[in-house]
Amino acid sequence: MTTVPDDEACVTQCILEARARLEKALQTSKRNAHSAQLLAVSKTKPASLLRAAWNSGQRAFGENYLQEALDKQQALSDLADIEWHFIGPVQSNKTRAIAEHFAWVHTVERDKIARRLSEQRPTALEPLNVCLQVNVSGEASKAGVAPGELMALAETVMALPSLNLRGLMAIPAPCPLDSSEEEQRAPFRQLREMLDQLQARYPQAALDTLSMGMSADLEAAVAEGATLVRLGTAIFGARDYSTIS
């Protein structure tokens, strides 16, 4: 892979490499070339690098920190077709700004948050696309709804008028470096099977999204059906968290 991107040209090269990697993973898995796309995770990175990625054809960007994202949205307001995804923890005091400024939220895990997002979504905007974050690892420290509570949360979200439930998201615990392909794929398979269950229960819904896989495990996620792969370091390089207040 290309070294840490520190300028626009390097980001452009990394975008090309990331696309090639995704294309190869899809081919290996015998999936349609357009069945998954990259979500460029741009937290801690300046707007100039996002603009370089946009100039290279990237349109979907994922942000974890609300104020940082709002600053970037203002700086890039001339890019009319840019698509903003919120992929960080959703706090109650930030739901209004998220509902007003994003097209997608990947991290809905509670009824209360879902209801606030729906109530605060401006009527002039299309319904907010949401994914339910699932704690597939079962770790107390991990965010996400427990698998056994997923169906109840999905039913609540699907009844909310300003939300459009699109699918599921997960951040599995990292596998050991010597883990097998089967071990890497297992948590992604679990999430896919849960989406299969939702699709069977709600065949009329547009449940078409599996937000899973990152720079270290793209291939395993794609093999299990990922449709949105969240790539940060593979596109923008290592992050500098000292820039976050």
Protein backbone atom coordinates (compact mmCIF):
# COMPACT_ATOMS: atom_id res chain seq x y z
CA MET A 1 0.00 0.00 0.00
CA THR A 2 0.97 3.61 -0.43
CA THR A 3 2.69 5.32 2.50
CA VAL A 4 0.78 7.64 4.81
CA PRO A 5 -1.03 10.22 2.69
CA ASP A 6 0.17 13.69 3.54
CA ASP A 7 -0.98 15.51 0.43
CA GLU A 8 -3.69 15.46 -2.19
CA ALA A 9 -1.69 13.44 -4.72
CA CYS A 10 -1.09 10.67 -2.23
CA VAL A 11 -4.79 10.49 -1.37
CA THR A 12 -5.59 10.17 -5.06
CA GLN A 13 -3.24 7.20 -5.37
CA CYS A 14 -4.67 5.59 -2.24
CA ILE A 15 -8.21 5.94 -3.59
CA LEU A 16 -7.16 4.09 -6.75
CA GLU A 17 -5.52 1.34 -4.71
CA ALA A 18 -8.53 1.01 -2.42
CA ARG A 19 -10.87 0.67 -5.39
CA ALA A 20 -8.63 -1.98 -6.92
CA ARG A 21 -8.57 -3.86 -3.64
CA LEU A 22 -12.36 -3.76 -3.36
CA GLU A 23 -12.77 -4.83 -6.97
CA LYS A 24 -10.45 -7.79 -6.43
CA ALA A 25 -12.30 -8.83 -3.26
CA LEU A 26 -15.62 -8.72 -5.10
CA GLN A 27 -14.24 -10.76 -7.98
CA THR A 28 -12.80 -13.34 -5.59
CA SER A 29 -16.18 -13.61 -3.87
CA LYS A 30 -17.95 -13.87 -7.25
CA ARG A 31 -20.02 -10.79 -6.50
CA ASN A 32 -21.25 -8.07 -8.81
CA ALA A 33 -18.69 -5.31 -9.30
CA HIS A 34 -21.20 -2.69 -8.13
CA SER A 35 -22.54 -4.56 -5.10
CA ALA A 36 -20.27 -2.79 -2.59
CA GLN A 37 -18.80 0.67 -2.29
CA LEU A 38 -16.16 2.45 -0.29
CA LEU A 39 -17.05 4.77 2.57
CA ALA A 40 -14.06 7.06 3.12
CA VAL A 41 -13.64 7.47 6.87
CA SER A 42 -12.19 10.94 7.15
CA LYS A 43 -12.08 11.66 10.89
CA THR A 44 -9.19 13.92 11.97
CA LYS A 45 -8.31 14.64 8.34
CA PRO A 46 -8.50 18.17 6.88
CA ALA A 47 -11.12 19.18 4.36
CA SER A 48 -8.41 19.58 1.70
CA LEU A 49 -7.79 15.82 1.70
CA LEU A 50 -11.50 15.10 1.48
CA ARG A 51 -11.68 17.42 -1.51
CA ALA A 52 -8.83 15.47 -3.13
CA ALA A 53 -10.73 12.24 -2.56
CA TRP A 54 -13.88 13.82 -4.02
CA ASN A 55 -11.88 14.96 -7.06
CA SER A 56 -10.89 11.30 -7.49
CA GLY A 57 -14.54 10.26 -7.65
CA GLN A 58 -15.22 9.45 -3.99
CA ARG A 59 -18.63 10.69 -2.89
CA ALA A 60 -19.47 9.01 0.44
CA PHE A 61 -17.60 10.15 3.55
CA GLY A 62 -17.91 8.87 7.10
CA GLU A 63 -17.35 11.09 10.12
CA ASN A 64 -17.16 10.16 13.81
CA TYR A 65 -16.99 13.58 15.47
CA LEU A 66 -19.91 15.95 15.02
CA GLN A 67 -18.28 19.36 15.29
CA GLU A 68 -15.39 18.33 13.07
CA ALA A 69 -17.87 17.04 10.51
CA LEU A 70 -19.92 20.23 10.56
CA ASP A 71 -16.78 22.30 9.97
CA LYS A 72 -15.87 20.13 6.99
CA GLN A 73 -19.38 20.31 5.59
CA GLN A 74 -19.16 24.08 5.62
CA ALA A 75 -15.71 24.04 3.99
CA LEU A 76 -16.94 21.67 1.28
CA SER A 77 -20.40 23.14 0.78
CA ASP A 78 -19.68 23.73 -2.90
CA LEU A 79 -19.58 19.96 -3.49
CA ALA A 80 -23.31 19.45 -3.99
CA ASP A 81 -23.26 15.66 -4.44
CA ILE A 82 -21.10 14.78 -1.46
CA GLU A 83 -22.79 12.28 0.86
CA TRP A 84 -22.22 12.49 4.62
CA HIS A 85 -22.46 9.44 6.89
CA PHE A 86 -22.32 9.72 10.67
CA ILE A 87 -20.52 6.65 12.03
CA GLY A 88 -19.67 7.68 15.59
CA PRO A 89 -21.59 7.23 18.85
CA VAL A 90 -24.83 9.23 18.83
CA GLN A 91 -25.38 11.26 21.99
CA SER A 92 -28.82 12.61 22.85
CA ASN A 93 -27.66 16.23 22.85
CA LYS A 94 -26.33 15.88 19.30
CA THR A 95 -29.24 14.19 17.56
CA ARG A 96 -30.70 17.40 16.15
CA ALA A 97 -27.51 18.44 14.38
CA ILE A 98 -27.00 14.90 13.09
CA ALA A 99 -30.59 14.70 11.85
CA GLU A 100 -30.20 18.03 10.06
CA HIS A 101 -26.80 17.54 8.42
CA PHE A 102 -26.33 13.90 7.47
CA ALA A 103 -27.79 11.53 4.89
CA TRP A 104 -26.91 8.39 6.84
CA VAL A 105 -26.41 7.32 10.45
CA HIS A 106 -24.75 3.93 10.97
CA THR A 107 -24.82 3.77 14.76
CA VAL A 108 -28.43 3.65 15.94
CA GLU A 109 -28.59 1.29 18.93
CA ARG A 110 -31.39 2.64 21.16
CA ASP A 111 -35.08 3.46 20.81
CA LYS A 112 -34.56 6.89 22.37
CA ILE A 113 -31.93 7.91 19.84
CA ALA A 114 -34.01 6.63 16.93
CA ARG A 115 -37.07 8.57 18.07
CA ARG A 116 -35.11 11.80 18.51
CA LEU A 117 -33.51 11.47 15.07
CA SER A 118 -36.93 10.97 13.49
CA GLU A 119 -38.57 13.84 15.38
CA GLN A 120 -35.71 16.22 14.57
CA ARG A 121 -35.27 15.34 10.91
CA PRO A 122 -36.34 18.41 8.86
CA THR A 123 -39.45 17.72 6.83
CA ALA A 124 -37.82 19.31 3.79
CA LEU A 125 -35.25 16.50 3.71
CA GLU A 126 -35.65 12.89 2.64
CA PRO A 127 -35.98 10.37 5.49
CA LEU A 128 -32.68 9.73 7.24
CA ASN A 129 -31.07 6.46 6.18
CA VAL A 130 -30.07 4.47 9.24
CA CYS A 131 -28.27 1.26 10.11
CA LEU A 132 -28.67 -0.49 13.43
CA GLN A 133 -25.36 -1.10 15.14
CA VAL A 134 -25.14 -4.65 16.48
CA ASN A 135 -22.74 -5.81 19.18
CA VAL A 136 -21.74 -9.06 17.47
CA SER A 137 -18.81 -9.58 19.84
CA GLY A 138 -20.97 -9.54 22.96
CA GLU A 139 -18.42 -7.44 24.82
CA ALA A 140 -19.68 -5.09 27.52
CA SER A 141 -17.32 -2.38 26.29
CA LYS A 142 -18.65 -2.54 22.73
CA ALA A 143 -21.45 -0.34 21.43
CA GLY A 144 -24.46 -1.79 19.69
CA VAL A 145 -27.73 -3.52 20.34
CA ALA A 146 -27.55 -7.11 21.56
CA PRO A 147 -28.49 -9.62 18.82
CA GLY A 148 -31.45 -10.82 20.89
CA GLU A 149 -32.89 -7.29 21.02
CA LEU A 150 -32.36 -6.47 17.35
CA MET A 151 -35.82 -7.38 16.06
CA ALA A 152 -37.59 -5.19 18.63
CA LEU A 153 -35.39 -2.21 17.80
CA ALA A 154 -35.89 -2.76 14.07
CA GLU A 155 -39.65 -2.79 14.51
CA THR A 156 -39.50 0.51 16.39
CA VAL A 157 -37.29 2.17 13.78
CA MET A 158 -39.40 0.99 10.86
CA ALA A 159 -42.44 2.66 12.40
CA LEU A 160 -40.74 6.07 12.63
CA PRO A 161 -41.82 8.32 9.74
CA SER A 162 -38.58 10.21 9.17
CA LEU A 163 -36.20 7.25 9.30
CA ASN A 164 -35.45 4.77 6.54
CA LEU A 165 -34.03 1.56 7.98
CA ARG A 166 -31.47 0.32 5.44
CA GLY A 167 -29.58 -2.40 7.27
CA LEU A 168 -27.02 -3.30 9.91
CA MET A 169 -23.58 -2.19 11.01
CA ALA A 170 -20.97 -3.81 13.24
CA ILE A 171 -17.42 -3.29 14.44
CA PRO A 172 -16.25 -6.76 15.50
CA ALA A 173 -13.41 -7.22 17.95
CA PRO A 174 -10.08 -7.38 16.06
CA CYS A 175 -8.96 -10.90 15.27
CA PRO A 176 -5.44 -12.01 16.30
CA LEU A 177 -2.81 -11.62 13.58
CA ASP A 178 -2.57 -15.40 13.21
CA SER A 179 -6.32 -15.94 12.93
CA SER A 180 -7.69 -18.01 10.07
CA GLU A 181 -9.88 -16.72 7.27
CA GLU A 182 -12.81 -18.54 8.85
CA GLU A 183 -12.24 -16.75 12.17
CA GLN A 184 -12.09 -13.39 10.40
CA ARG A 185 -15.29 -14.05 8.48
CA ALA A 186 -17.35 -15.42 11.38
CA PRO A 187 -18.59 -12.11 12.91
CA PHE A 188 -19.41 -10.72 9.47
CA ARG A 189 -21.36 -13.87 8.66
CA GLN A 190 -23.28 -13.43 11.89
CA LEU A 191 -24.30 -9.90 10.88
CA ARG A 192 -25.29 -11.05 7.40
CA GLU A 193 -27.47 -13.80 8.83
CA MET A 194 -29.21 -11.26 11.05
CA LEU A 195 -29.91 -9.09 8.01
CA ASP A 196 -31.27 -12.18 6.23
CA GLN A 197 -33.69 -12.65 9.13
CA LEU A 198 -34.80 -9.02 8.97
CA GLN A 199 -35.34 -9.25 5.21
CA ALA A 200 -37.44 -12.38 5.66
CA ARG A 201 -39.56 -10.70 8.32
CA TYR A 202 -39.97 -7.41 6.42
CA PRO A 203 -39.84 -8.34 2.70
CA GLN A 204 -41.35 -4.99 1.71
CA ALA A 205 -38.53 -2.97 3.28
CA ALA A 206 -35.41 -1.73 1.49
CA LEU A 207 -33.05 -3.63 3.79
CA ASP A 208 -30.05 -3.70 1.49
CA THR A 209 -27.07 -2.53 3.54
CA LEU A 210 -24.32 -4.25 5.50
CA SER A 211 -21.91 -1.63 6.82
CA MET A 212 -18.97 -3.78 7.85
CA GLY A 213 -15.29 -4.19 7.20
CA MET A 214 -12.44 -1.72 7.55
CA SER A 215 -8.91 -1.31 6.22
CA ALA A 216 -7.61 -4.43 8.00
CA ASP A 217 -10.43 -6.83 7.14
CA LEU A 218 -12.02 -5.64 3.90
CA GLU A 219 -11.67 -9.01 2.17
CA ALA A 220 -13.35 -11.00 4.96
CA ALA A 221 -16.24 -8.53 5.11
CA VAL A 222 -16.77 -8.52 1.35
CA ALA A 223 -16.73 -12.33 1.30
CA GLU A 224 -19.70 -12.25 3.71
CA GLY A 225 -21.69 -9.65 1.80
CA ALA A 226 -20.56 -6.18 2.91
CA THR A 227 -22.14 -3.40 0.84
CA LEU A 228 -20.43 -0.45 2.56
CA VAL A 229 -16.79 -0.90 3.56
CA ARG A 230 -15.45 1.78 5.89
CA LEU A 231 -11.86 2.61 4.93
CA GLY A 232 -9.86 5.20 6.84
CA THR A 233 -6.15 4.50 7.06
CA ALA A 234 -6.10 2.78 3.65
CA ILE A 235 -7.21 6.08 2.08
CA PHE A 236 -6.03 8.83 4.41
CA GLY A 237 -3.26 7.17 6.40
CA ALA A 238 -2.70 7.15 10.15
CA ARG A 239 -4.84 9.55 12.15
CA ASP A 240 -3.64 12.36 14.40
CA TYR A 241 -6.06 12.42 17.33
CA SER A 242 -4.32 15.44 18.86
CA THR A 243 -6.32 17.57 16.41
CA ILE A 244 -9.60 16.59 18.11
CA SER A 245 -10.67 18.83 20.97
